[in-house]
Protein backbone atom coordinates (compact mmCIF):
# COMPACT_ATOMS: atom_id res chain seq x y z
CA MET A 1 35.05 79.04 -15.54
CA ASP A 2 31.80 80.94 -15.47
CA GLN A 3 28.56 79.14 -14.85
CA VAL A 4 26.56 78.35 -17.96
CA ARG A 5 23.50 80.11 -18.30
CA VAL A 6 20.17 77.91 -19.28
CA LEU A 7 17.14 79.93 -20.12
CA ILE A 8 14.14 77.48 -19.74
CA VAL A 9 10.96 78.44 -22.01
CA GLU A 10 8.47 76.24 -20.39
CA ASP A 11 4.60 77.14 -19.47
CA ASP A 12 4.21 73.93 -17.40
CA ASP A 13 5.30 75.14 -13.85
CA PHE A 14 6.21 71.84 -12.58
CA LEU A 15 7.89 71.01 -15.26
CA SER A 16 10.10 73.82 -15.57
CA GLN A 17 10.84 73.99 -11.72
CA MET A 18 12.03 70.11 -12.19
CA TYR A 19 14.36 70.80 -15.02
CA ALA A 20 15.73 73.96 -13.19
CA ALA A 21 16.25 72.45 -9.91
CA LYS A 22 18.21 69.39 -12.14
CA LEU A 23 20.49 72.26 -13.90
CA GLU A 24 20.88 74.05 -10.49
CA LEU A 25 22.30 70.65 -8.92
CA GLU A 26 24.84 70.24 -12.42
CA ASP A 27 25.82 73.72 -11.66
CA PHE A 28 24.01 75.85 -14.51
CA ASN A 29 22.46 78.91 -14.11
CA VAL A 30 19.02 78.92 -14.76
CA LEU A 31 16.41 81.59 -15.93
CA THR A 32 13.11 80.29 -16.74
CA ALA A 33 10.43 81.97 -19.02
CA MET A 34 6.63 80.83 -19.06
CA THR A 35 5.58 82.49 -22.30
CA GLY A 36 6.98 82.56 -26.01
CA THR A 37 7.28 86.44 -25.78
CA ALA A 38 8.48 86.42 -22.14
CA GLY A 39 11.01 84.01 -23.28
CA LEU A 40 12.01 85.73 -26.33
CA LYS A 41 12.57 89.18 -24.65
CA LEU A 42 14.59 87.39 -22.07
CA ALA A 43 16.76 85.64 -24.57
CA GLN A 44 17.35 88.75 -26.22
CA LYS A 45 18.18 90.88 -23.20
CA GLU A 46 20.27 87.88 -21.11
CA LEU A 47 21.74 86.23 -24.46
CA PRO A 48 22.32 82.89 -22.23
CA ASP A 49 24.52 80.05 -23.17
CA PHE A 50 21.90 77.50 -23.86
CA ILE A 51 17.91 77.40 -24.04
CA LEU A 52 15.47 75.04 -23.72
CA LEU A 53 12.73 75.42 -25.57
CA ASP A 54 8.90 74.10 -25.66
CA LEU A 55 6.75 74.15 -28.89
CA ASN A 56 3.13 74.45 -27.19
CA LEU A 57 3.42 77.74 -25.62
CA PRO A 58 1.28 80.89 -24.72
CA GLU A 59 1.33 84.02 -26.88
CA MET A 60 4.02 82.80 -28.85
CA ASP A 61 4.50 79.41 -29.91
CA GLY A 62 7.92 77.63 -30.02
CA PHE A 63 8.51 77.79 -33.62
CA GLU A 64 8.18 81.06 -33.55
CA VAL A 65 10.46 82.42 -30.67
CA LEU A 66 13.17 79.86 -32.23
CA ARG A 67 12.81 81.70 -36.35
CA ASN A 68 13.35 84.81 -33.83
CA LEU A 69 16.09 83.91 -32.41
CA LYS A 70 17.65 82.39 -35.38
CA ALA A 71 16.94 85.67 -37.37
CA ASP A 72 18.62 88.01 -34.94
CA GLU A 73 22.41 88.80 -34.86
CA LYS A 74 22.63 89.21 -31.10
CA THR A 75 20.76 85.33 -30.33
CA LYS A 76 21.07 83.30 -33.60
CA ASN A 77 24.12 81.51 -32.31
CA ILE A 78 22.88 80.43 -28.80
CA PRO A 79 22.31 76.76 -29.21
CA VAL A 80 18.26 75.72 -28.74
CA LEU A 81 17.11 72.45 -27.68
CA ILE A 82 13.78 71.65 -28.46
CA LEU A 83 11.68 69.66 -25.72
CA THR A 84 8.16 69.13 -26.42
CA ASN A 85 5.63 66.81 -26.49
CA PHE A 86 4.50 67.21 -30.15
CA SER A 87 6.06 63.90 -31.57
CA GLN A 88 4.88 64.51 -35.37
CA LYS A 89 7.74 64.60 -37.51
CA GLU A 90 6.97 67.47 -39.23
CA HIS A 91 7.43 69.59 -36.56
CA ILE A 92 10.58 67.74 -35.58
CA ASP A 93 11.81 68.70 -39.11
CA LYS A 94 10.70 72.01 -39.04
CA CYS A 95 12.59 72.96 -35.94
CA LEU A 96 15.77 71.38 -36.95
CA ASP A 97 15.29 73.29 -40.23
CA LEU A 98 14.89 76.59 -38.23
CA GLY A 99 18.32 76.17 -36.86
CA ALA A 100 17.69 73.75 -33.70
CA GLU A 101 20.28 71.83 -32.09
CA ASP A 102 18.70 68.66 -31.37
CA TYR A 103 14.31 67.71 -30.79
CA LEU A 104 13.42 66.02 -27.53
CA ILE A 105 9.75 64.62 -26.87
CA LYS A 106 9.24 64.71 -23.36
CA ALA A 107 7.78 61.88 -22.42
CA HIS A 108 10.94 60.26 -23.93
CA PHE A 109 13.61 61.37 -21.90
CA VAL A 110 14.37 61.69 -17.81
CA PRO A 111 15.61 65.24 -16.87
CA SER A 112 19.08 63.69 -16.22
CA GLU A 113 19.02 62.51 -20.12
CA VAL A 114 18.14 66.45 -21.00
CA VAL A 115 20.85 67.70 -18.96
CA ALA A 116 23.27 65.00 -20.98
CA LYS A 117 22.54 66.23 -23.77
CA ILE A 118 22.76 69.62 -23.32
CA LYS A 119 26.07 69.33 -21.79
CA GLY A 120 26.85 67.45 -24.77
CA ILE A 121 25.48 69.81 -27.16
CA LEU A 122 27.75 72.40 -25.25
CA SER A 123 30.75 70.15 -25.47
CA LYS A 124 30.97 70.43 -29.11
């Protein structure tokens, strides 16, 4: 089986590297983007199998990225997992309404739990 390609859209370099390292250890092929705009372009170009998306991003926030991904025929079926520090219920509801698979609050999950969540979503 080909490696599963995961795109991490996260502006915090430390977190991005940490999640990338954890996913690579689990044999995922990882792409990263530091801004919403770069993340959206990379998703449209590379068509990853999965997207890990922060909401608080420069240039274009995660809501806009998600909205654009789900509006595009090429990317609308890529599962998106929101990983953010925003814990407001309206943010969670908005993301799920826009088509995110799930919504994780960074402070509540360690990387291994996030990887387990990604695997669970991909196995559906």
